[in-house]
PDBML (XML) file of the C-alpha atoms, coordinates in Angstrom:
<?xml version="1.0" encoding="UTF-8" ?>
<PDBx:datablock datablockName="MODEL"
   xmlns:PDBx="http://pdbml.pdb.org/schema/pdbx-v50.xsd"
   xmlns:xsi="http://www.w3.org/2001/XMLSchema-instance"
   xsi:schemaLocation="http://pdbml.pdb.org/schema/pdbx-v50.xsd pdbx-v50.xsd">
   <PDBx:atom_siteCategory>
      <PDBx:atom_site id="1">
         <PDBx:B_iso_or_equiv>0.00</PDBx:B_iso_or_equiv>
         <PDBx:Cartn_x>3.412</PDBx:Cartn_x>
         <PDBx:Cartn_y>17.454</PDBx:Cartn_y>
         <PDBx:Cartn_z>12.972</PDBx:Cartn_z>
         <PDBx:auth_asym_id>A</PDBx:auth_asym_id>
         <PDBx:auth_atom_id>CA</PDBx:auth_atom_id>
         <PDBx:auth_comp_id>UNK</PDBx:auth_comp_id>
         <PDBx:auth_seq_id>1</PDBx:auth_seq_id>
         <PDBx:group_PDB>ATOM</PDBx:group_PDB>
         <PDBx:label_alt_id xsi:nil="true" />
         <PDBx:label_asym_id>A</PDBx:label_asym_id>
         <PDBx:label_atom_id>CA</PDBx:label_atom_id>
         <PDBx:label_comp_id>UNK</PDBx:label_comp_id>
         <PDBx:label_entity_id>1</PDBx:label_entity_id>
         <PDBx:label_seq_id>1</PDBx:label_seq_id>
         <PDBx:occupancy>1.00</PDBx:occupancy>
         <PDBx:pdbx_PDB_model_num>1</PDBx:pdbx_PDB_model_num>
         <PDBx:type_symbol>C</PDBx:type_symbol>
      </PDBx:atom_site>
      <PDBx:atom_site id="2">
         <PDBx:B_iso_or_equiv>0.00</PDBx:B_iso_or_equiv>
         <PDBx:Cartn_x>-0.273</PDBx:Cartn_x>
         <PDBx:Cartn_y>15.175</PDBx:Cartn_y>
         <PDBx:Cartn_z>13.607</PDBx:Cartn_z>
         <PDBx:auth_asym_id>A</PDBx:auth_asym_id>
         <PDBx:auth_atom_id>CA</PDBx:auth_atom_id>
         <PDBx:auth_comp_id>UNK</PDBx:auth_comp_id>
         <PDBx:auth_seq_id>2</PDBx:auth_seq_id>
         <PDBx:group_PDB>ATOM</PDBx:group_PDB>
         <PDBx:label_alt_id xsi:nil="true" />
         <PDBx:label_asym_id>A</PDBx:label_asym_id>
         <PDBx:label_atom_id>CA</PDBx:label_atom_id>
         <PDBx:label_comp_id>UNK</PDBx:label_comp_id>
         <PDBx:label_entity_id>1</PDBx:label_entity_id>
         <PDBx:label_seq_id>2</PDBx:label_seq_id>
         <PDBx:occupancy>1.00</PDBx:occupancy>
         <PDBx:pdbx_PDB_model_num>1</PDBx:pdbx_PDB_model_num>
         <PDBx:type_symbol>C</PDBx:type_symbol>
      </PDBx:atom_site>
      <PDBx:atom_site id="3">
         <PDBx:B_iso_or_equiv>0.00</PDBx:B_iso_or_equiv>
         <PDBx:Cartn_x>-2.397</PDBx:Cartn_x>
         <PDBx:Cartn_y>17.284</PDBx:Cartn_y>
         <PDBx:Cartn_z>11.503</PDBx:Cartn_z>
         <PDBx:auth_asym_id>A</PDBx:auth_asym_id>
         <PDBx:auth_atom_id>CA</PDBx:auth_atom_id>
         <PDBx:auth_comp_id>UNK</PDBx:auth_comp_id>
         <PDBx:auth_seq_id>3</PDBx:auth_seq_id>
         <PDBx:group_PDB>ATOM</PDBx:group_PDB>
         <PDBx:label_alt_id xsi:nil="true" />
         <PDBx:label_asym_id>A</PDBx:label_asym_id>
         <PDBx:label_atom_id>CA</PDBx:label_atom_id>
         <PDBx:label_comp_id>UNK</PDBx:label_comp_id>
         <PDBx:label_entity_id>1</PDBx:label_entity_id>
         <PDBx:label_seq_id>3</PDBx:label_seq_id>
         <PDBx:occupancy>1.00</PDBx:occupancy>
         <PDBx:pdbx_PDB_model_num>1</PDBx:pdbx_PDB_model_num>
         <PDBx:type_symbol>C</PDBx:type_symbol>
      </PDBx:atom_site>
      <PDBx:atom_site id="4">
         <PDBx:B_iso_or_equiv>0.00</PDBx:B_iso_or_equiv>
         <PDBx:Cartn_x>-4.224</PDBx:Cartn_x>
         <PDBx:Cartn_y>17.035</PDBx:Cartn_y>
         <PDBx:Cartn_z>8.282</PDBx:Cartn_z>
         <PDBx:auth_asym_id>A</PDBx:auth_asym_id>
         <PDBx:auth_atom_id>CA</PDBx:auth_atom_id>
         <PDBx:auth_comp_id>UNK</PDBx:auth_comp_id>
         <PDBx:auth_seq_id>4</PDBx:auth_seq_id>
         <PDBx:group_PDB>ATOM</PDBx:group_PDB>
         <PDBx:label_alt_id xsi:nil="true" />
         <PDBx:label_asym_id>A</PDBx:label_asym_id>
         <PDBx:label_atom_id>CA</PDBx:label_atom_id>
         <PDBx:label_comp_id>UNK</PDBx:label_comp_id>
         <PDBx:label_entity_id>1</PDBx:label_entity_id>
         <PDBx:label_seq_id>4</PDBx:label_seq_id>
         <PDBx:occupancy>1.00</PDBx:occupancy>
         <PDBx:pdbx_PDB_model_num>1</PDBx:pdbx_PDB_model_num>
         <PDBx:type_symbol>C</PDBx:type_symbol>
      </PDBx:atom_site>
      <PDBx:atom_site id="5">
         <PDBx:B_iso_or_equiv>0.00</PDBx:B_iso_or_equiv>
         <PDBx:Cartn_x>-1.807</PDBx:Cartn_x>
         <PDBx:Cartn_y>17.919</PDBx:Cartn_y>
         <PDBx:Cartn_z>5.991</PDBx:Cartn_z>
         <PDBx:auth_asym_id>A</PDBx:auth_asym_id>
         <PDBx:auth_atom_id>CA</PDBx:auth_atom_id>
         <PDBx:auth_comp_id>UNK</PDBx:auth_comp_id>
         <PDBx:auth_seq_id>5</PDBx:auth_seq_id>
         <PDBx:group_PDB>ATOM</PDBx:group_PDB>
         <PDBx:label_alt_id xsi:nil="true" />
         <PDBx:label_asym_id>A</PDBx:label_asym_id>
         <PDBx:label_atom_id>CA</PDBx:label_atom_id>
         <PDBx:label_comp_id>UNK</PDBx:label_comp_id>
         <PDBx:label_entity_id>1</PDBx:label_entity_id>
         <PDBx:label_seq_id>5</PDBx:label_seq_id>
         <PDBx:occupancy>1.00</PDBx:occupancy>
         <PDBx:pdbx_PDB_model_num>1</PDBx:pdbx_PDB_model_num>
         <PDBx:type_symbol>C</PDBx:type_symbol>
      </PDBx:atom_site>
      <PDBx:atom_site id="6">
         <PDBx:B_iso_or_equiv>0.00</PDBx:B_iso_or_equiv>
         <PDBx:Cartn_x>0.426</PDBx:Cartn_x>
         <PDBx:Cartn_y>15.220</PDBx:Cartn_y>
         <PDBx:Cartn_z>7.044</PDBx:Cartn_z>
         <PDBx:auth_asym_id>A</PDBx:auth_asym_id>
         <PDBx:auth_atom_id>CA</PDBx:auth_atom_id>
         <PDBx:auth_comp_id>UNK</PDBx:auth_comp_id>
         <PDBx:auth_seq_id>6</PDBx:auth_seq_id>
         <PDBx:group_PDB>ATOM</PDBx:group_PDB>
         <PDBx:label_alt_id xsi:nil="true" />
         <PDBx:label_asym_id>A</PDBx:label_asym_id>
         <PDBx:label_atom_id>CA</PDBx:label_atom_id>
         <PDBx:label_comp_id>UNK</PDBx:label_comp_id>
         <PDBx:label_entity_id>1</PDBx:label_entity_id>
         <PDBx:label_seq_id>6</PDBx:label_seq_id>
         <PDBx:occupancy>1.00</PDBx:occupancy>
         <PDBx:pdbx_PDB_model_num>1</PDBx:pdbx_PDB_model_num>
         <PDBx:type_symbol>C</PDBx:type_symbol>
      </PDBx:atom_site>
      <PDBx:atom_site id="7">
         <PDBx:B_iso_or_equiv>0.00</PDBx:B_iso_or_equiv>
         <PDBx:Cartn_x>-2.124</PDBx:Cartn_x>
         <PDBx:Cartn_y>12.794</PDBx:Cartn_y>
         <PDBx:Cartn_z>6.991</PDBx:Cartn_z>
         <PDBx:auth_asym_id>A</PDBx:auth_asym_id>
         <PDBx:auth_atom_id>CA</PDBx:auth_atom_id>
         <PDBx:auth_comp_id>UNK</PDBx:auth_comp_id>
         <PDBx:auth_seq_id>7</PDBx:auth_seq_id>
         <PDBx:group_PDB>ATOM</PDBx:group_PDB>
         <PDBx:label_alt_id xsi:nil="true" />
         <PDBx:label_asym_id>A</PDBx:label_asym_id>
         <PDBx:label_atom_id>CA</PDBx:label_atom_id>
         <PDBx:label_comp_id>UNK</PDBx:label_comp_id>
         <PDBx:label_entity_id>1</PDBx:label_entity_id>
         <PDBx:label_seq_id>7</PDBx:label_seq_id>
         <PDBx:occupancy>1.00</PDBx:occupancy>
         <PDBx:pdbx_PDB_model_num>1</PDBx:pdbx_PDB_model_num>
         <PDBx:type_symbol>C</PDBx:type_symbol>
      </PDBx:atom_site>
      <PDBx:atom_site id="8">
         <PDBx:B_iso_or_equiv>0.00</PDBx:B_iso_or_equiv>
         <PDBx:Cartn_x>-2.410</PDBx:Cartn_x>
         <PDBx:Cartn_y>12.825</PDBx:Cartn_y>
         <PDBx:Cartn_z>3.351</PDBx:Cartn_z>
         <PDBx:auth_asym_id>A</PDBx:auth_asym_id>
         <PDBx:auth_atom_id>CA</PDBx:auth_atom_id>
         <PDBx:auth_comp_id>UNK</PDBx:auth_comp_id>
         <PDBx:auth_seq_id>8</PDBx:auth_seq_id>
         <PDBx:group_PDB>ATOM</PDBx:group_PDB>
         <PDBx:label_alt_id xsi:nil="true" />
         <PDBx:label_asym_id>A</PDBx:label_asym_id>
         <PDBx:label_atom_id>CA</PDBx:label_atom_id>
         <PDBx:label_comp_id>UNK</PDBx:label_comp_id>
         <PDBx:label_entity_id>1</PDBx:label_entity_id>
         <PDBx:label_seq_id>8</PDBx:label_seq_id>
         <PDBx:occupancy>1.00</PDBx:occupancy>
         <PDBx:pdbx_PDB_model_num>1</PDBx:pdbx_PDB_model_num>
         <PDBx:type_symbol>C</PDBx:type_symbol>
      </PDBx:atom_site>
      <PDBx:atom_site id="9">
         <PDBx:B_iso_or_equiv>0.00</PDBx:B_iso_or_equiv>
         <PDBx:Cartn_x>1.243</PDBx:Cartn_x>
         <PDBx:Cartn_y>13.136</PDBx:Cartn_y>
         <PDBx:Cartn_z>2.932</PDBx:Cartn_z>
         <PDBx:auth_asym_id>A</PDBx:auth_asym_id>
         <PDBx:auth_atom_id>CA</PDBx:auth_atom_id>
         <PDBx:auth_comp_id>UNK</PDBx:auth_comp_id>
         <PDBx:auth_seq_id>9</PDBx:auth_seq_id>
         <PDBx:group_PDB>ATOM</PDBx:group_PDB>
         <PDBx:label_alt_id xsi:nil="true" />
         <PDBx:label_asym_id>A</PDBx:label_asym_id>
         <PDBx:label_atom_id>CA</PDBx:label_atom_id>
         <PDBx:label_comp_id>UNK</PDBx:label_comp_id>
         <PDBx:label_entity_id>1</PDBx:label_entity_id>
         <PDBx:label_seq_id>9</PDBx:label_seq_id>
         <PDBx:occupancy>1.00</PDBx:occupancy>
         <PDBx:pdbx_PDB_model_num>1</PDBx:pdbx_PDB_model_num>
         <PDBx:type_symbol>C</PDBx:type_symbol>
      </PDBx:atom_site>
      <PDBx:atom_site id="10">
         <PDBx:B_iso_or_equiv>0.00</PDBx:B_iso_or_equiv>
         <PDBx:Cartn_x>1.066</PDBx:Cartn_x>
         <PDBx:Cartn_y>9.578</PDBx:Cartn_y>
         <PDBx:Cartn_z>4.848</PDBx:Cartn_z>
         <PDBx:auth_asym_id>A</PDBx:auth_asym_id>
         <PDBx:auth_atom_id>CA</PDBx:auth_atom_id>
         <PDBx:auth_comp_id>UNK</PDBx:auth_comp_id>
         <PDBx:auth_seq_id>10</PDBx:auth_seq_id>
         <PDBx:group_PDB>ATOM</PDBx:group_PDB>
         <PDBx:label_alt_id xsi:nil="true" />
         <PDBx:label_asym_id>A</PDBx:label_asym_id>
         <PDBx:label_atom_id>CA</PDBx:label_atom_id>
         <PDBx:label_comp_id>UNK</PDBx:label_comp_id>
         <PDBx:label_entity_id>1</PDBx:label_entity_id>
         <PDBx:label_seq_id>10</PDBx:label_seq_id>
         <PDBx:occupancy>1.00</PDBx:occupancy>
         <PDBx:pdbx_PDB_model_num>1</PDBx:pdbx_PDB_model_num>
         <PDBx:type_symbol>C</PDBx:type_symbol>
      </PDBx:atom_site>
      <PDBx:atom_site id="11">
         <PDBx:B_iso_or_equiv>0.00</PDBx:B_iso_or_equiv>
         <PDBx:Cartn_x>-1.288</PDBx:Cartn_x>
         <PDBx:Cartn_y>8.310</PDBx:Cartn_y>
         <PDBx:Cartn_z>2.412</PDBx:Cartn_z>
         <PDBx:auth_asym_id>A</PDBx:auth_asym_id>
         <PDBx:auth_atom_id>CA</PDBx:auth_atom_id>
         <PDBx:auth_comp_id>UNK</PDBx:auth_comp_id>
         <PDBx:auth_seq_id>11</PDBx:auth_seq_id>
         <PDBx:group_PDB>ATOM</PDBx:group_PDB>
         <PDBx:label_alt_id xsi:nil="true" />
         <PDBx:label_asym_id>A</PDBx:label_asym_id>
         <PDBx:label_atom_id>CA</PDBx:label_atom_id>
         <PDBx:label_comp_id>UNK</PDBx:label_comp_id>
         <PDBx:label_entity_id>1</PDBx:label_entity_id>
         <PDBx:label_seq_id>11</PDBx:label_seq_id>
         <PDBx:occupancy>1.00</PDBx:occupancy>
         <PDBx:pdbx_PDB_model_num>1</PDBx:pdbx_PDB_model_num>
         <PDBx:type_symbol>C</PDBx:type_symbol>
      </PDBx:atom_site>
      <PDBx:atom_site id="12">
         <PDBx:B_iso_or_equiv>0.00</PDBx:B_iso_or_equiv>
         <PDBx:Cartn_x>0.408</PDBx:Cartn_x>
         <PDBx:Cartn_y>9.520</PDBx:Cartn_y>
         <PDBx:Cartn_z>-0.795</PDBx:Cartn_z>
         <PDBx:auth_asym_id>A</PDBx:auth_asym_id>
         <PDBx:auth_atom_id>CA</PDBx:auth_atom_id>
         <PDBx:auth_comp_id>UNK</PDBx:auth_comp_id>
         <PDBx:auth_seq_id>12</PDBx:auth_seq_id>
         <PDBx:group_PDB>ATOM</PDBx:group_PDB>
         <PDBx:label_alt_id xsi:nil="true" />
         <PDBx:label_asym_id>A</PDBx:label_asym_id>
         <PDBx:label_atom_id>CA</PDBx:label_atom_id>
         <PDBx:label_comp_id>UNK</PDBx:label_comp_id>
         <PDBx:label_entity_id>1</PDBx:label_entity_id>
         <PDBx:label_seq_id>12</PDBx:label_seq_id>
         <PDBx:occupancy>1.00</PDBx:occupancy>
         <PDBx:pdbx_PDB_model_num>1</PDBx:pdbx_PDB_model_num>
         <PDBx:type_symbol>C</PDBx:type_symbol>
      </PDBx:atom_site>
      <PDBx:atom_site id="13">
         <PDBx:B_iso_or_equiv>0.00</PDBx:B_iso_or_equiv>
         <PDBx:Cartn_x>3.814</PDBx:Cartn_x>
         <PDBx:Cartn_y>7.870</PDBx:Cartn_y>
         <PDBx:Cartn_z>0.935</PDBx:Cartn_z>
         <PDBx:auth_asym_id>A</PDBx:auth_asym_id>
         <PDBx:auth_atom_id>CA</PDBx:auth_atom_id>
         <PDBx:auth_comp_id>UNK</PDBx:auth_comp_id>
         <PDBx:auth_seq_id>13</PDBx:auth_seq_id>
         <PDBx:group_PDB>ATOM</PDBx:group_PDB>
         <PDBx:label_alt_id xsi:nil="true" />
         <PDBx:label_asym_id>A</PDBx:label_asym_id>
         <PDBx:label_atom_id>CA</PDBx:label_atom_id>
         <PDBx:label_comp_id>UNK</PDBx:label_comp_id>
         <PDBx:label_entity_id>1</PDBx:label_entity_id>
         <PDBx:label_seq_id>13</PDBx:label_seq_id>
         <PDBx:occupancy>1.00</PDBx:occupancy>
         <PDBx:pdbx_PDB_model_num>1</PDBx:pdbx_PDB_model_num>
         <PDBx:type_symbol>C</PDBx:type_symbol>
      </PDBx:atom_site>
      <PDBx:atom_site id="14">
         <PDBx:B_iso_or_equiv>0.00</PDBx:B_iso_or_equiv>
         <PDBx:Cartn_x>1.985</PDBx:Cartn_x>
         <PDBx:Cartn_y>4.590</PDBx:Cartn_y>
         <PDBx:Cartn_z>1.272</PDBx:Cartn_z>
         <PDBx:auth_asym_id>A</PDBx:auth_asym_id>
         <PDBx:auth_atom_id>CA</PDBx:auth_atom_id>
         <PDBx:auth_comp_id>UNK</PDBx:auth_comp_id>
         <PDBx:auth_seq_id>14</PDBx:auth_seq_id>
         <PDBx:group_PDB>ATOM</PDBx:group_PDB>
         <PDBx:label_alt_id xsi:nil="true" />
         <PDBx:label_asym_id>A</PDBx:label_asym_id>
         <PDBx:label_atom_id>CA</PDBx:label_atom_id>
         <PDBx:label_comp_id>UNK</PDBx:label_comp_id>
         <PDBx:label_entity_id>1</PDBx:label_entity_id>
         <PDBx:label_seq_id>14</PDBx:label_seq_id>
         <PDBx:occupancy>1.00</PDBx:occupancy>
         <PDBx:pdbx_PDB_model_num>1</PDBx:pdbx_PDB_model_num>
         <PDBx:type_symbol>C</PDBx:type_symbol>
      </PDBx:atom_site>
      <PDBx:atom_site id="15">
         <PDBx:B_iso_or_equiv>0.00</PDBx:B_iso_or_equiv>
         <PDBx:Cartn_x>0.283</PDBx:Cartn_x>
         <PDBx:Cartn_y>4.238</PDBx:Cartn_y>
         <PDBx:Cartn_z>-1.465</PDBx:Cartn_z>
         <PDBx:auth_asym_id>A</PDBx:auth_asym_id>
         <PDBx:auth_atom_id>CA</PDBx:auth_atom_id>
         <PDBx:auth_comp_id>UNK</PDBx:auth_comp_id>
         <PDBx:auth_seq_id>15</PDBx:auth_seq_id>
         <PDBx:group_PDB>ATOM</PDBx:group_PDB>
         <PDBx:label_alt_id xsi:nil="true" />
         <PDBx:label_asym_id>A</PDBx:label_asym_id>
         <PDBx:label_atom_id>CA</PDBx:label_atom_id>
         <PDBx:label_comp_id>UNK</PDBx:label_comp_id>
         <PDBx:label_entity_id>1</PDBx:label_entity_id>
         <PDBx:label_seq_id>15</PDBx:label_seq_id>
         <PDBx:occupancy>1.00</PDBx:occupancy>
         <PDBx:pdbx_PDB_model_num>1</PDBx:pdbx_PDB_model_num>
         <PDBx:type_symbol>C</PDBx:type_symbol>
      </PDBx:atom_site>
      <PDBx:atom_site id="16">
         <PDBx:B_iso_or_equiv>0.00</PDBx:B_iso_or_equiv>
         <PDBx:Cartn_x>3.673</PDBx:Cartn_x>
         <PDBx:Cartn_y>4.991</PDBx:Cartn_y>
         <PDBx:Cartn_z>-3.238</PDBx:Cartn_z>
         <PDBx:auth_asym_id>A</PDBx:auth_asym_id>
         <PDBx:auth_atom_id>CA</PDBx:auth_atom_id>
         <PDBx:auth_comp_id>UNK</PDBx:auth_comp_id>
         <PDBx:auth_seq_id>16</PDBx:auth_seq_id>
         <PDBx:group_PDB>ATOM</PDBx:group_PDB>
         <PDBx:label_alt_id xsi:nil="true" />
         <PDBx:label_asym_id>A</PDBx:label_asym_id>
         <PDBx:label_atom_id>CA</PDBx:label_atom_id>
         <PDBx:label_comp_id>UNK</PDBx:label_comp_id>
         <PDBx:label_entity_id>1</PDBx:label_entity_id>
         <PDBx:label_seq_id>16</PDBx:label_seq_id>
         <PDBx:occupancy>1.00</PDBx:occupancy>
         <PDBx:pdbx_PDB_model_num>1</PDBx:pdbx_PDB_model_num>
         <PDBx:type_symbol>C</PDBx:type_symbol>
      </PDBx:atom_site>
      <PDBx:atom_site id="17">
         <PDBx:B_iso_or_equiv>0.00</PDBx:B_iso_or_equiv>
         <PDBx:Cartn_x>5.854</PDBx:Cartn_x>
         <PDBx:Cartn_y>3.212</PDBx:Cartn_y>
         <PDBx:Cartn_z>-1.839</PDBx:Cartn_z>
         <PDBx:auth_asym_id>A</PDBx:auth_asym_id>
         <PDBx:auth_atom_id>CA</PDBx:auth_atom_id>
         <PDBx:auth_comp_id>UNK</PDBx:auth_comp_id>
         <PDBx:auth_seq_id>17</PDBx:auth_seq_id>
         <PDBx:group_PDB>ATOM</PDBx:group_PDB>
         <PDBx:label_alt_id xsi:nil="true" />
         <PDBx:label_asym_id>A</PDBx:label_asym_id>
         <PDBx:label_atom_id>CA</PDBx:label_atom_id>
         <PDBx:label_comp_id>UNK</PDBx:label_comp_id>
         <PDBx:label_entity_id>1</PDBx:label_entity_id>
         <PDBx:label_seq_id>17</PDBx:label_seq_id>
         <PDBx:occupancy>1.00</PDBx:occupancy>
         <PDBx:pdbx_PDB_model_num>1</PDBx:pdbx_PDB_model_num>
         <PDBx:type_symbol>C</PDBx:type_symbol>
      </PDBx:atom_site>
      <PDBx:atom_site id="18">
         <PDBx:B_iso_or_equiv>0.00</PDBx:B_iso_or_equiv>
         <PDBx:Cartn_x>3.027</PDBx:Cartn_x>
         <PDBx:Cartn_y>0.178</PDBx:Cartn_y>
         <PDBx:Cartn_z>-1.521</PDBx:Cartn_z>
         <PDBx:auth_asym_id>A</PDBx:auth_asym_id>
         <PDBx:auth_atom_id>CA</PDBx:auth_atom_id>
         <PDBx:auth_comp_id>UNK</PDBx:auth_comp_id>
         <PDBx:auth_seq_id>18</PDBx:auth_seq_id>
         <PDBx:group_PDB>ATOM</PDBx:group_PDB>
         <PDBx:label_alt_id xsi:nil="true" />
         <PDBx:label_asym_id>A</PDBx:label_asym_id>
         <PDBx:label_atom_id>CA</PDBx:label_atom_id>
         <PDBx:label_comp_id>UNK</PDBx:label_comp_id>
         <PDBx:label_entity_id>1</PDBx:label_entity_id>
         <PDBx:label_seq_id>18</PDBx:label_seq_id>
         <PDBx:occupancy>1.00</PDBx:occupancy>
         <PDBx:pdbx_PDB_model_num>1</PDBx:pdbx_PDB_model_num>
         <PDBx:type_symbol>C</PDBx:type_symbol>
      </PDBx:atom_site>
      <PDBx:atom_site id="19">
         <PDBx:B_iso_or_equiv>0.00</PDBx:B_iso_or_equiv>
         <PDBx:Cartn_x>3.173</PDBx:Cartn_x>
         <PDBx:Cartn_y>0.630</PDBx:Cartn_y>
         <PDBx:Cartn_z>2.662</PDBx:Cartn_z>
         <PDBx:auth_asym_id>A</PDBx:auth_asym_id>
         <PDBx:auth_atom_id>CA</PDBx:auth_atom_id>
         <PDBx:auth_comp_id>UNK</PDBx:auth_comp_id>
         <PDBx:auth_seq_id>19</PDBx:auth_seq_id>
         <PDBx:group_PDB>ATOM</PDBx:group_PDB>
         <PDBx:label_alt_id xsi:nil="true" />
         <PDBx:label_asym_id>A</PDBx:label_asym_id>
         <PDBx:label_atom_id>CA</PDBx:label_atom_id>
         <PDBx:label_comp_id>UNK</PDBx:label_comp_id>
         <PDBx:label_entity_id>1</PDBx:label_entity_id>
         <PDBx:label_seq_id>19</PDBx:label_seq_id>
         <PDBx:occupancy>1.00</PDBx:occupancy>
         <PDBx:pdbx_PDB_model_num>1</PDBx:pdbx_PDB_model_num>
         <PDBx:type_symbol>C</PDBx:type_symbol>
      </PDBx:atom_site>
      <PDBx:atom_site id="20">
         <PDBx:B_iso_or_equiv>0.00</PDBx:B_iso_or_equiv>
         <PDBx:Cartn_x>0.449</PDBx:Cartn_x>
         <PDBx:Cartn_y>0.652</PDBx:Cartn_y>
         <PDBx:Cartn_z>4.914</PDBx:Cartn_z>
         <PDBx:auth_asym_id>A</PDBx:auth_asym_id>
         <PDBx:auth_atom_id>CA</PDBx:auth_atom_id>
         <PDBx:auth_comp_id>UNK</PDBx:auth_comp_id>
         <PDBx:auth_seq_id>20</PDBx:auth_seq_id>
         <PDBx:group_PDB>ATOM</PDBx:group_PDB>
         <PDBx:label_alt_id xsi:nil="true" />
         <PDBx:label_asym_id>A</PDBx:label_asym_id>
         <PDBx:label_atom_id>CA</PDBx:label_atom_id>
         <PDBx:label_comp_id>UNK</PDBx:label_comp_id>
         <PDBx:label_entity_id>1</PDBx:label_entity_id>
         <PDBx:label_seq_id>20</PDBx:label_seq_id>
         <PDBx:occupancy>1.00</PDBx:occupancy>
         <PDBx:pdbx_PDB_model_num>1</PDBx:pdbx_PDB_model_num>
         <PDBx:type_symbol>C</PDBx:type_symbol>
      </PDBx:atom_site>
      <PDBx:atom_site id="21">
         <PDBx:B_iso_or_equiv>0.00</PDBx:B_iso_or_equiv>
         <PDBx:Cartn_x>0.047</PDBx:Cartn_x>
         <PDBx:Cartn_y>4.245</PDBx:Cartn_y>
         <PDBx:Cartn_z>6.762</PDBx:Cartn_z>
         <PDBx:auth_asym_id>A</PDBx:auth_asym_id>
         <PDBx:auth_atom_id>CA</PDBx:auth_atom_id>
         <PDBx:auth_comp_id>UNK</PDBx:auth_comp_id>
         <PDBx:auth_seq_id>21</PDBx:auth_seq_id>
         <PDBx:group_PDB>ATOM</PDBx:group_PDB>
         <PDBx:label_alt_id xsi:nil="true" />
         <PDBx:label_asym_id>A</PDBx:label_asym_id>
         <PDBx:label_atom_id>CA</PDBx:label_atom_id>
         <PDBx:label_comp_id>UNK</PDBx:label_comp_id>
         <PDBx:label_entity_id>1</PDBx:label_entity_id>
         <PDBx:label_seq_id>21</PDBx:label_seq_id>
         <PDBx:occupancy>1.00</PDBx:occupancy>
         <PDBx:pdbx_PDB_model_num>1</PDBx:pdbx_PDB_model_num>
         <PDBx:type_symbol>C</PDBx:type_symbol>
      </PDBx:atom_site>
      <PDBx:atom_site id="22">
         <PDBx:B_iso_or_equiv>0.00</PDBx:B_iso_or_equiv>
         <PDBx:Cartn_x>1.575</PDBx:Cartn_x>
         <PDBx:Cartn_y>2.985</PDBx:Cartn_y>
         <PDBx:Cartn_z>9.701</PDBx:Cartn_z>
         <PDBx:auth_asym_id>A</PDBx:auth_asym_id>
         <PDBx:auth_atom_id>CA</PDBx:auth_atom_id>
         <PDBx:auth_comp_id>UNK</PDBx:auth_comp_id>
         <PDBx:auth_seq_id>22</PDBx:auth_seq_id>
         <PDBx:group_PDB>ATOM</PDBx:group_PDB>
         <PDBx:label_alt_id xsi:nil="true" />
         <PDBx:label_asym_id>A</PDBx:label_asym_id>
         <PDBx:label_atom_id>CA</PDBx:label_atom_id>
         <PDBx:label_comp_id>UNK</PDBx:label_comp_id>
         <PDBx:label_entity_id>1</PDBx:label_entity_id>
         <PDBx:label_seq_id>22</PDBx:label_seq_id>
         <PDBx:occupancy>1.00</PDBx:occupancy>
         <PDBx:pdbx_PDB_model_num>1</PDBx:pdbx_PDB_model_num>
         <PDBx:type_symbol>C</PDBx:type_symbol>
      </PDBx:atom_site>
      <PDBx:atom_site id="23">
         <PDBx:B_iso_or_equiv>0.00</PDBx:B_iso_or_equiv>
         <PDBx:Cartn_x>4.239</PDBx:Cartn_x>
         <PDBx:Cartn_y>1.873</PDBx:Cartn_y>
         <PDBx:Cartn_z>8.440</PDBx:Cartn_z>
         <PDBx:auth_asym_id>A</PDBx:auth_asym_id>
         <PDBx:auth_atom_id>CA</PDBx:auth_atom_id>
         <PDBx:auth_comp_id>UNK</PDBx:auth_comp_id>
         <PDBx:auth_seq_id>23</PDBx:auth_seq_id>
         <PDBx:group_PDB>ATOM</PDBx:group_PDB>
         <PDBx:label_alt_id xsi:nil="true" />
         <PDBx:label_asym_id>A</PDBx:label_asym_id>
         <PDBx:label_atom_id>CA</PDBx:label_atom_id>
         <PDBx:label_comp_id>UNK</PDBx:label_comp_id>
         <PDBx:label_entity_id>1</PDBx:label_entity_id>
         <PDBx:label_seq_id>23</PDBx:label_seq_id>
         <PDBx:occupancy>1.00</PDBx:occupancy>
         <PDBx:pdbx_PDB_model_num>1</PDBx:pdbx_PDB_model_num>
         <PDBx:type_symbol>C</PDBx:type_symbol>
      </PDBx:atom_site>
      <PDBx:atom_site id="24">
         <PDBx:B_iso_or_equiv>0.00</PDBx:B_iso_or_equiv>
         <PDBx:Cartn_x>4.430</PDBx:Cartn_x>
         <PDBx:Cartn_y>5.100</PDBx:Cartn_y>
         <PDBx:Cartn_z>6.739</PDBx:Cartn_z>
         <PDBx:auth_asym_id>A</PDBx:auth_asym_id>
         <PDBx:auth_atom_id>CA</PDBx:auth_atom_id>
         <PDBx:auth_comp_id>UNK</PDBx:auth_comp_id>
         <PDBx:auth_seq_id>24</PDBx:auth_seq_id>
         <PDBx:group_PDB>ATOM</PDBx:group_PDB>
         <PDBx:label_alt_id xsi:nil="true" />
         <PDBx:label_asym_id>A</PDBx:label_asym_id>
         <PDBx:label_atom_id>CA</PDBx:label_atom_id>
         <PDBx:label_comp_id>UNK</PDBx:label_comp_id>
         <PDBx:label_entity_id>1</PDBx:label_entity_id>
         <PDBx:label_seq_id>24</PDBx:label_seq_id>
         <PDBx:occupancy>1.00</PDBx:occupancy>
         <PDBx:pdbx_PDB_model_num>1</PDBx:pdbx_PDB_model_num>
         <PDBx:type_symbol>C</PDBx:type_symbol>
      </PDBx:atom_site>
   </PDBx:atom_siteCategory>
</PDBx:datablock>
C-alpha cells in the first residue's frame, strides 16, 4: 500500500539491490 512505511521499504530494497526506487 502506498504509505510512508512502504516508501521506506522500497528505499531499503533500492539500496540493498543497487536499483532505483522506481525499479524496486
